[in-house]
Amino acid sequence: MMYLLELPPGAPPRVWFAFDADDLHRKLGAGGGLPEWPIQLWPDEESALMACENDADPLWKGTGWQARWALREQLIATEVLAED
């Protein structure tokens, strides 16, 4: 499973998943292609989990905690990360 973090300006970060590259292309195509704002892609569950647990990642600094929280919530929803 792949995880994609979208960072739209003036809106909360969004994280969603794709099962594989074909699913990713299908979902991006349905949404009109790549978004115009910054994105972060983790190619698998392990890399997304490692990123979420990495306190030193500059992506999480300042208001980046909201992006980290969005990733955490998606990892919980897909049962990669336990809620407790």
N, C-alpha and C. Protein backbone atom coordinates (compact mmCIF):
# COMPACT_ATOMS: atom_id res chain seq x y z
N MET A 1 0.84 -1.16 0.00
CA MET A 1 0.00 0.00 0.00
C MET A 1 0.89 1.24 0.00
N MET A 2 0.53 2.24 -0.77
CA MET A 2 1.25 3.51 -0.86
C MET A 2 0.44 4.59 -0.15
N TYR A 3 1.13 5.57 0.41
CA TYR A 3 0.47 6.67 1.11
C TYR A 3 0.89 7.98 0.51
N LEU A 4 -0.06 8.86 0.27
CA LEU A 4 0.20 10.16 -0.33
C LEU A 4 -0.33 11.26 0.58
N LEU A 5 0.54 12.19 0.91
CA LEU A 5 0.19 13.35 1.74
C LEU A 5 0.08 14.55 0.83
N GLU A 6 -1.06 15.21 0.84
CA GLU A 6 -1.27 16.44 0.09
C GLU A 6 -1.24 17.62 1.06
N LEU A 7 -0.56 18.69 0.66
CA LEU A 7 -0.44 19.89 1.49
C LEU A 7 -1.02 21.08 0.75
N PRO A 8 -2.35 21.12 0.61
CA PRO A 8 -2.97 22.23 -0.12
C PRO A 8 -2.89 23.53 0.69
N PRO A 9 -2.54 24.64 0.04
CA PRO A 9 -2.46 25.90 0.77
C PRO A 9 -3.83 26.33 1.30
N GLY A 10 -3.85 26.76 2.54
CA GLY A 10 -5.10 27.26 3.14
C GLY A 10 -6.10 26.18 3.49
N ALA A 11 -5.68 24.93 3.47
CA ALA A 11 -6.59 23.82 3.81
C ALA A 11 -5.80 22.80 4.62
N PRO A 12 -6.52 21.99 5.40
CA PRO A 12 -5.82 20.96 6.19
C PRO A 12 -5.13 19.93 5.29
N PRO A 13 -4.03 19.37 5.75
CA PRO A 13 -3.36 18.31 4.99
C PRO A 13 -4.29 17.11 4.83
N ARG A 14 -4.10 16.40 3.73
CA ARG A 14 -4.90 15.20 3.46
C ARG A 14 -3.94 14.04 3.18
N VAL A 15 -4.27 12.89 3.72
CA VAL A 15 -3.51 11.68 3.43
C VAL A 15 -4.48 10.64 2.91
N TRP A 16 -4.08 9.98 1.85
CA TRP A 16 -4.89 8.88 1.33
C TRP A 16 -3.95 7.79 0.84
N PHE A 17 -4.50 6.63 0.55
CA PHE A 17 -3.67 5.51 0.15
C PHE A 17 -4.08 4.99 -1.21
N ALA A 18 -3.16 4.27 -1.81
CA ALA A 18 -3.42 3.53 -3.05
C ALA A 18 -2.84 2.13 -2.84
N PHE A 19 -3.50 1.15 -3.39
CA PHE A 19 -3.05 -0.24 -3.22
C PHE A 19 -1.75 -0.51 -3.98
N ASP A 20 -1.60 0.11 -5.15
CA ASP A 20 -0.41 -0.10 -5.98
C ASP A 20 -0.32 1.06 -6.97
N ALA A 21 0.67 1.00 -7.87
CA ALA A 21 0.88 2.10 -8.82
C ALA A 21 -0.33 2.31 -9.74
N ASP A 22 -0.95 1.22 -10.18
CA ASP A 22 -2.13 1.35 -11.04
C ASP A 22 -3.27 2.05 -10.31
N ASP A 23 -3.48 1.69 -9.05
CA ASP A 23 -4.52 2.32 -8.25
C ASP A 23 -4.20 3.80 -8.03
N LEU A 24 -2.93 4.11 -7.81
CA LEU A 24 -2.51 5.50 -7.63
C LEU A 24 -2.82 6.31 -8.89
N HIS A 25 -2.46 5.80 -10.05
CA HIS A 25 -2.74 6.50 -11.31
C HIS A 25 -4.23 6.67 -11.54
N ARG A 26 -5.00 5.66 -11.21
CA ARG A 26 -6.45 5.72 -11.35
C ARG A 26 -7.03 6.82 -10.46
N LYS A 27 -6.58 6.86 -9.21
CA LYS A 27 -7.10 7.86 -8.27
C LYS A 27 -6.66 9.27 -8.65
N LEU A 28 -5.41 9.41 -9.07
CA LEU A 28 -4.96 10.73 -9.51
C LEU A 28 -5.72 11.18 -10.75
N GLY A 29 -5.95 10.26 -11.68
CA GLY A 29 -6.71 10.59 -12.89
C GLY A 29 -8.13 11.00 -12.58
N ALA A 30 -8.75 10.34 -11.61
CA ALA A 30 -10.12 10.68 -11.22
C ALA A 30 -10.18 12.07 -10.57
N GLY A 31 -9.06 12.47 -9.95
CA GLY A 31 -9.01 13.79 -9.31
C GLY A 31 -8.48 14.88 -10.21
N GLY A 32 -8.24 14.58 -11.49
CA GLY A 32 -7.76 15.59 -12.42
C GLY A 32 -6.25 15.64 -12.56
N GLY A 33 -5.54 14.63 -12.06
CA GLY A 33 -4.08 14.59 -12.17
C GLY A 33 -3.41 15.00 -10.88
N LEU A 34 -2.11 15.20 -10.95
CA LEU A 34 -1.36 15.61 -9.76
C LEU A 34 -1.86 16.96 -9.27
N PRO A 35 -1.99 17.11 -7.96
CA PRO A 35 -2.40 18.41 -7.43
C PRO A 35 -1.32 19.47 -7.67
N GLU A 36 -1.71 20.72 -7.62
CA GLU A 36 -0.77 21.82 -7.85
C GLU A 36 0.03 22.17 -6.60
N TRP A 37 -0.30 21.59 -5.48
CA TRP A 37 0.38 21.87 -4.23
C TRP A 37 1.35 20.75 -3.90
N PRO A 38 2.20 20.97 -2.88
CA PRO A 38 3.19 19.96 -2.51
C PRO A 38 2.54 18.64 -2.08
N ILE A 39 3.20 17.56 -2.44
CA ILE A 39 2.78 16.23 -2.02
C ILE A 39 3.99 15.47 -1.49
N GLN A 40 3.72 14.47 -0.70
CA GLN A 40 4.76 13.55 -0.21
C GLN A 40 4.23 12.15 -0.43
N LEU A 41 5.01 11.29 -1.03
CA LEU A 41 4.59 9.93 -1.32
C LEU A 41 5.49 8.95 -0.58
N TRP A 42 4.88 8.04 0.14
CA TRP A 42 5.61 6.93 0.76
C TRP A 42 5.21 5.68 0.00
N PRO A 43 6.17 4.93 -0.52
CA PRO A 43 5.86 3.81 -1.41
C PRO A 43 5.30 2.57 -0.73
N ASP A 44 5.38 2.53 0.60
CA ASP A 44 4.87 1.35 1.29
C ASP A 44 4.55 1.68 2.74
N GLU A 45 3.91 0.74 3.41
CA GLU A 45 3.49 0.94 4.80
C GLU A 45 4.67 1.19 5.72
N GLU A 46 5.75 0.43 5.52
CA GLU A 46 6.92 0.56 6.40
C GLU A 46 7.53 1.96 6.33
N SER A 47 7.69 2.50 5.13
CA SER A 47 8.30 3.83 5.01
C SER A 47 7.37 4.91 5.56
N ALA A 48 6.06 4.75 5.39
CA ALA A 48 5.10 5.72 5.96
C ALA A 48 5.14 5.67 7.48
N LEU A 49 5.21 4.46 8.04
CA LEU A 49 5.26 4.31 9.48
C LEU A 49 6.57 4.90 10.03
N MET A 50 7.67 4.62 9.38
CA MET A 50 8.96 5.17 9.82
C MET A 50 8.95 6.70 9.75
N ALA A 51 8.36 7.26 8.71
CA ALA A 51 8.27 8.71 8.58
C ALA A 51 7.42 9.30 9.70
N CYS A 52 6.32 8.65 9.99
CA CYS A 52 5.42 9.14 11.04
C CYS A 52 6.09 9.14 12.40
N GLU A 53 6.95 8.17 12.63
CA GLU A 53 7.61 8.05 13.93
C GLU A 53 8.91 8.85 14.03
N ASN A 54 9.33 9.49 12.95
CA ASN A 54 10.59 10.23 12.91
C ASN A 54 10.38 11.67 13.39
N ASP A 55 10.69 11.92 14.65
CA ASP A 55 10.53 13.26 15.22
C ASP A 55 11.42 14.30 14.57
N ALA A 56 12.52 13.88 13.96
CA ALA A 56 13.47 14.82 13.37
C ALA A 56 13.10 15.24 11.94
N ASP A 57 12.07 14.64 11.36
CA ASP A 57 11.69 14.98 9.99
C ASP A 57 11.25 16.44 9.91
N PRO A 58 11.89 17.24 9.06
CA PRO A 58 11.52 18.66 8.96
C PRO A 58 10.08 18.88 8.51
N LEU A 59 9.50 17.90 7.85
CA LEU A 59 8.10 18.00 7.41
C LEU A 59 7.15 18.20 8.58
N TRP A 60 7.52 17.70 9.76
CA TRP A 60 6.64 17.75 10.94
C TRP A 60 6.85 19.01 11.78
N LYS A 61 7.78 19.85 11.44
CA LYS A 61 8.08 21.05 12.25
C LYS A 61 6.98 22.11 12.10
N GLY A 62 6.84 22.94 13.12
CA GLY A 62 5.85 24.02 13.08
C GLY A 62 4.44 23.47 12.90
N THR A 63 3.74 23.99 11.91
CA THR A 63 2.37 23.52 11.66
C THR A 63 2.35 22.16 10.97
N GLY A 64 3.54 21.61 10.70
CA GLY A 64 3.63 20.29 10.11
C GLY A 64 3.05 19.18 10.97
N TRP A 65 2.80 19.49 12.25
CA TRP A 65 2.19 18.48 13.12
C TRP A 65 0.84 18.04 12.56
N GLN A 66 0.16 18.96 11.85
CA GLN A 66 -1.14 18.60 11.27
C GLN A 66 -0.98 17.55 10.17
N ALA A 67 0.09 17.67 9.39
CA ALA A 67 0.36 16.68 8.35
C ALA A 67 0.72 15.34 8.98
N ARG A 68 1.52 15.40 10.04
CA ARG A 68 1.90 14.17 10.75
C ARG A 68 0.66 13.49 11.34
N TRP A 69 -0.23 14.29 11.91
CA TRP A 69 -1.46 13.74 12.48
C TRP A 69 -2.32 13.10 11.40
N ALA A 70 -2.39 13.73 10.23
CA ALA A 70 -3.18 13.18 9.12
C ALA A 70 -2.61 11.83 8.68
N LEU A 71 -1.27 11.74 8.60
CA LEU A 71 -0.64 10.47 8.25
C LEU A 71 -0.91 9.43 9.33
N ARG A 72 -0.79 9.82 10.57
CA ARG A 72 -1.05 8.90 11.68
C ARG A 72 -2.48 8.36 11.62
N GLU A 73 -3.44 9.23 11.38
CA GLU A 73 -4.84 8.82 11.30
C GLU A 73 -5.07 7.83 10.15
N GLN A 74 -4.42 8.05 9.01
CA GLN A 74 -4.57 7.13 7.88
C GLN A 74 -3.91 5.78 8.20
N LEU A 75 -2.78 5.81 8.89
CA LEU A 75 -2.13 4.56 9.28
C LEU A 75 -2.99 3.78 10.27
N ILE A 76 -3.67 4.47 11.14
CA ILE A 76 -4.60 3.80 12.06
C ILE A 76 -5.79 3.24 11.29
N ALA A 77 -6.33 4.02 10.37
CA ALA A 77 -7.50 3.59 9.60
C ALA A 77 -7.20 2.35 8.76
N THR A 78 -5.97 2.24 8.28
CA THR A 78 -5.60 1.07 7.47
C THR A 78 -4.94 -0.02 8.31
N GLU A 79 -5.01 0.15 9.63
CA GLU A 79 -4.55 -0.84 10.60
C GLU A 79 -3.06 -1.15 10.52
N VAL A 80 -2.27 -0.18 10.09
CA VAL A 80 -0.82 -0.32 10.10
C VAL A 80 -0.30 0.04 11.48
N LEU A 81 -0.98 0.99 12.13
CA LEU A 81 -0.58 1.51 13.42
C LEU A 81 -1.71 1.29 14.41
N ALA A 82 -1.39 0.81 15.60
CA ALA A 82 -2.39 0.61 16.64
C ALA A 82 -2.76 1.97 17.23
N GLU A 83 -3.99 2.12 17.64
CA GLU A 83 -4.48 3.41 18.16
C GLU A 83 -3.88 3.79 19.49
N ASP A 84 -3.44 2.85 20.30
CA ASP A 84 -2.91 3.16 21.63
C ASP A 84 -1.46 3.38 21.62
